[in-house]
């Protein structure tokens, strides 16, 4: 989550691609949104069963994802 928040999509991508959950798919979609690869981001959002809001809402997505990860870990 810290890599995503910092915009370090390359480092975040290395971590998230090792996981297959819907949460990981969502994070993977965020990674590709940050990268600017919106077609690939949309694919991962579909896998995560989440609506794709585009690059304009990526910071909101990161905030929501951080909360989801915290719930998942708690």
N, C-alpha and C. Protein backbone atom coordinates (compact mmCIF):
# COMPACT_ATOMS: atom_id res chain seq x y z
N UNK A 1 0.82 -1.19 0.00
CA UNK A 1 0.00 0.00 0.00
C UNK A 1 0.87 1.26 0.00
N UNK A 2 1.97 1.21 0.70
CA UNK A 2 2.85 2.39 0.73
C UNK A 2 3.43 2.68 -0.65
N UNK A 3 3.77 1.64 -1.39
CA UNK A 3 4.28 1.84 -2.75
C UNK A 3 3.21 2.47 -3.65
N UNK A 4 1.97 2.00 -3.53
CA UNK A 4 0.89 2.57 -4.32
C UNK A 4 0.68 4.04 -3.97
N UNK A 5 0.64 4.33 -2.69
CA UNK A 5 0.41 5.70 -2.25
C UNK A 5 1.53 6.63 -2.72
N UNK A 6 2.75 6.09 -2.82
CA UNK A 6 3.89 6.89 -3.27
C UNK A 6 3.97 6.97 -4.80
N UNK A 7 3.08 6.24 -5.48
CA UNK A 7 3.10 6.22 -6.94
C UNK A 7 4.17 5.31 -7.51
N UNK A 8 4.76 4.47 -6.68
CA UNK A 8 5.81 3.54 -7.13
C UNK A 8 5.15 2.26 -7.64
N UNK A 9 4.55 2.37 -8.82
CA UNK A 9 3.78 1.25 -9.36
C UNK A 9 4.66 0.07 -9.71
N UNK A 10 5.90 0.28 -10.07
CA UNK A 10 6.77 -0.84 -10.42
C UNK A 10 7.01 -1.75 -9.22
N UNK A 11 7.33 -1.17 -8.09
CA UNK A 11 7.57 -1.95 -6.87
C UNK A 11 6.28 -2.63 -6.42
N UNK A 12 5.17 -1.90 -6.47
CA UNK A 12 3.88 -2.47 -6.08
C UNK A 12 3.49 -3.62 -7.00
N UNK A 13 3.79 -3.49 -8.28
CA UNK A 13 3.45 -4.53 -9.25
C UNK A 13 4.18 -5.83 -8.94
N UNK A 14 5.45 -5.73 -8.58
CA UNK A 14 6.22 -6.94 -8.24
C UNK A 14 5.58 -7.70 -7.09
N UNK A 15 5.02 -6.98 -6.14
CA UNK A 15 4.41 -7.62 -4.98
C UNK A 15 3.05 -8.21 -5.32
N UNK A 16 2.20 -7.40 -5.95
CA UNK A 16 0.80 -7.79 -6.14
C UNK A 16 0.64 -8.92 -7.16
N UNK A 17 1.53 -9.03 -8.12
CA UNK A 17 1.36 -10.06 -9.15
C UNK A 17 1.58 -11.47 -8.61
N UNK A 18 2.07 -11.58 -7.38
CA UNK A 18 2.28 -12.89 -6.77
C UNK A 18 1.02 -13.44 -6.10
N UNK A 19 -0.07 -12.66 -6.08
CA UNK A 19 -1.28 -13.05 -5.36
C UNK A 19 -2.46 -13.15 -6.33
N UNK A 20 -3.47 -13.95 -5.95
CA UNK A 20 -4.58 -14.20 -6.86
C UNK A 20 -5.96 -13.88 -6.29
N UNK A 21 -6.04 -13.26 -5.15
CA UNK A 21 -7.35 -12.94 -4.55
C UNK A 21 -8.00 -11.79 -5.30
N UNK A 22 -9.29 -11.56 -5.02
CA UNK A 22 -9.97 -10.42 -5.63
C UNK A 22 -9.37 -9.11 -5.11
N UNK A 23 -8.93 -9.10 -3.86
CA UNK A 23 -8.27 -7.91 -3.33
C UNK A 23 -6.98 -7.64 -4.11
N UNK A 24 -6.21 -8.67 -4.37
CA UNK A 24 -4.98 -8.52 -5.15
C UNK A 24 -5.29 -8.05 -6.57
N UNK A 25 -6.38 -8.55 -7.15
CA UNK A 25 -6.76 -8.12 -8.49
C UNK A 25 -7.09 -6.63 -8.49
N UNK A 26 -7.78 -6.16 -7.46
CA UNK A 26 -8.08 -4.74 -7.34
C UNK A 26 -6.80 -3.92 -7.25
N UNK A 27 -5.88 -4.36 -6.39
CA UNK A 27 -4.61 -3.67 -6.25
C UNK A 27 -3.83 -3.68 -7.57
N UNK A 28 -3.91 -4.80 -8.26
CA UNK A 28 -3.25 -4.92 -9.57
C UNK A 28 -3.85 -3.91 -10.55
N UNK A 29 -5.16 -3.75 -10.49
CA UNK A 29 -5.82 -2.75 -11.33
C UNK A 29 -5.37 -1.34 -11.00
N UNK A 30 -5.19 -1.06 -9.72
CA UNK A 30 -4.70 0.25 -9.31
C UNK A 30 -3.28 0.47 -9.84
N UNK A 31 -2.46 -0.56 -9.75
CA UNK A 31 -1.09 -0.47 -10.26
C UNK A 31 -1.09 -0.07 -11.73
N UNK A 32 -1.90 -0.74 -12.53
CA UNK A 32 -1.93 -0.44 -13.96
C UNK A 32 -2.55 0.92 -14.25
N UNK A 33 -3.45 1.38 -13.39
CA UNK A 33 -3.98 2.73 -13.53
C UNK A 33 -2.87 3.75 -13.31
N UNK A 34 -2.09 3.55 -12.27
CA UNK A 34 -0.97 4.45 -12.00
C UNK A 34 0.03 4.45 -13.15
N UNK A 35 0.22 3.27 -13.72
CA UNK A 35 1.16 3.12 -14.83
C UNK A 35 0.66 3.81 -16.09
N UNK A 36 -0.65 3.99 -16.17
CA UNK A 36 -1.24 4.59 -17.36
C UNK A 36 -1.71 3.56 -18.37
N UNK A 37 -1.67 2.29 -17.98
CA UNK A 37 -2.12 1.19 -18.84
C UNK A 37 -3.59 0.89 -18.49
N UNK A 38 -4.48 1.74 -18.99
CA UNK A 38 -5.88 1.68 -18.56
C UNK A 38 -6.62 0.46 -19.09
N UNK A 39 -6.25 -0.06 -20.26
CA UNK A 39 -6.88 -1.28 -20.76
C UNK A 39 -6.59 -2.45 -19.81
N UNK A 40 -5.35 -2.57 -19.41
CA UNK A 40 -4.97 -3.63 -18.49
C UNK A 40 -5.60 -3.40 -17.12
N UNK A 41 -5.67 -2.15 -16.70
CA UNK A 41 -6.31 -1.83 -15.42
C UNK A 41 -7.76 -2.28 -15.43
N UNK A 42 -8.46 -2.03 -16.52
CA UNK A 42 -9.87 -2.44 -16.62
C UNK A 42 -10.01 -3.95 -16.51
N UNK A 43 -9.10 -4.69 -17.11
CA UNK A 43 -9.11 -6.16 -17.00
C UNK A 43 -9.04 -6.57 -15.53
N UNK A 44 -8.11 -5.97 -14.78
CA UNK A 44 -7.93 -6.36 -13.38
C UNK A 44 -9.11 -5.91 -12.52
N UNK A 45 -9.72 -4.80 -12.85
CA UNK A 45 -10.92 -4.38 -12.12
C UNK A 45 -12.06 -5.37 -12.37
N UNK A 46 -12.18 -5.85 -13.60
CA UNK A 46 -13.20 -6.88 -13.86
C UNK A 46 -12.92 -8.13 -13.04
N UNK A 47 -11.66 -8.53 -12.96
CA UNK A 47 -11.30 -9.71 -12.15
C UNK A 47 -11.62 -9.47 -10.68
N UNK A 48 -11.50 -8.23 -10.24
CA UNK A 48 -11.78 -7.87 -8.85
C UNK A 48 -13.27 -7.64 -8.61
N UNK A 49 -14.05 -7.67 -9.69
CA UNK A 49 -15.50 -7.43 -9.63
C UNK A 49 -15.81 -6.06 -9.05
N UNK A 50 -15.04 -5.06 -9.54
CA UNK A 50 -15.21 -3.68 -9.09
C UNK A 50 -15.38 -2.79 -10.31
N UNK A 51 -16.15 -1.71 -10.17
CA UNK A 51 -16.26 -0.77 -11.29
C UNK A 51 -14.95 -0.01 -11.47
N UNK A 52 -14.61 0.26 -12.71
CA UNK A 52 -13.39 0.99 -13.02
C UNK A 52 -13.73 2.47 -13.18
N UNK A 53 -13.16 3.29 -12.33
CA UNK A 53 -13.47 4.72 -12.35
C UNK A 53 -12.49 5.55 -13.14
N UNK A 54 -11.39 4.94 -13.58
CA UNK A 54 -10.41 5.67 -14.38
C UNK A 54 -9.34 6.33 -13.54
N UNK A 55 -8.42 6.97 -14.24
CA UNK A 55 -7.26 7.58 -13.60
C UNK A 55 -7.64 8.71 -12.66
N UNK A 56 -8.76 9.37 -12.90
CA UNK A 56 -9.15 10.51 -12.08
C UNK A 56 -9.51 10.18 -10.65
N UNK A 57 -9.77 8.92 -10.36
CA UNK A 57 -10.16 8.53 -9.00
C UNK A 57 -9.14 7.59 -8.34
N UNK A 58 -7.97 7.51 -8.90
CA UNK A 58 -6.99 6.54 -8.40
C UNK A 58 -6.59 6.81 -6.95
N UNK A 59 -6.48 8.06 -6.55
CA UNK A 59 -6.11 8.34 -5.15
C UNK A 59 -7.22 7.90 -4.20
N UNK A 60 -8.46 8.07 -4.60
CA UNK A 60 -9.58 7.57 -3.79
C UNK A 60 -9.54 6.06 -3.71
N UNK A 61 -9.23 5.42 -4.82
CA UNK A 61 -9.13 3.96 -4.85
C UNK A 61 -8.02 3.47 -3.91
N UNK A 62 -6.90 4.18 -3.90
CA UNK A 62 -5.81 3.80 -3.00
C UNK A 62 -6.24 3.92 -1.55
N UNK A 63 -6.95 4.98 -1.21
CA UNK A 63 -7.44 5.17 0.15
C UNK A 63 -8.41 4.05 0.54
N UNK A 64 -9.34 3.73 -0.36
CA UNK A 64 -10.30 2.65 -0.09
C UNK A 64 -9.60 1.30 -0.01
N UNK A 65 -8.61 1.08 -0.87
CA UNK A 65 -7.87 -0.18 -0.85
C UNK A 65 -7.08 -0.33 0.44
N UNK A 66 -6.50 0.77 0.92
CA UNK A 66 -5.77 0.73 2.19
C UNK A 66 -6.70 0.27 3.32
N UNK A 67 -7.90 0.79 3.36
CA UNK A 67 -8.87 0.40 4.38
C UNK A 67 -9.25 -1.08 4.22
N UNK A 68 -9.42 -1.54 2.98
CA UNK A 68 -9.76 -2.94 2.74
C UNK A 68 -8.63 -3.86 3.17
N UNK A 69 -7.41 -3.48 2.90
CA UNK A 69 -6.26 -4.28 3.32
C UNK A 69 -6.20 -4.34 4.84
N UNK A 70 -6.43 -3.22 5.50
CA UNK A 70 -6.41 -3.19 6.96
C UNK A 70 -7.48 -4.11 7.55
N UNK A 71 -8.68 -4.09 6.94
CA UNK A 71 -9.75 -5.00 7.39
C UNK A 71 -9.35 -6.45 7.16
N UNK A 72 -8.73 -6.72 6.03
CA UNK A 72 -8.31 -8.07 5.67
C UNK A 72 -7.26 -8.59 6.64
N UNK A 73 -6.36 -7.72 7.07
CA UNK A 73 -5.30 -8.12 7.96
C UNK A 73 -5.76 -8.18 9.41
N UNK A 74 -6.84 -7.44 9.73
CA UNK A 74 -7.32 -7.35 11.12
C UNK A 74 -8.09 -8.53 11.49
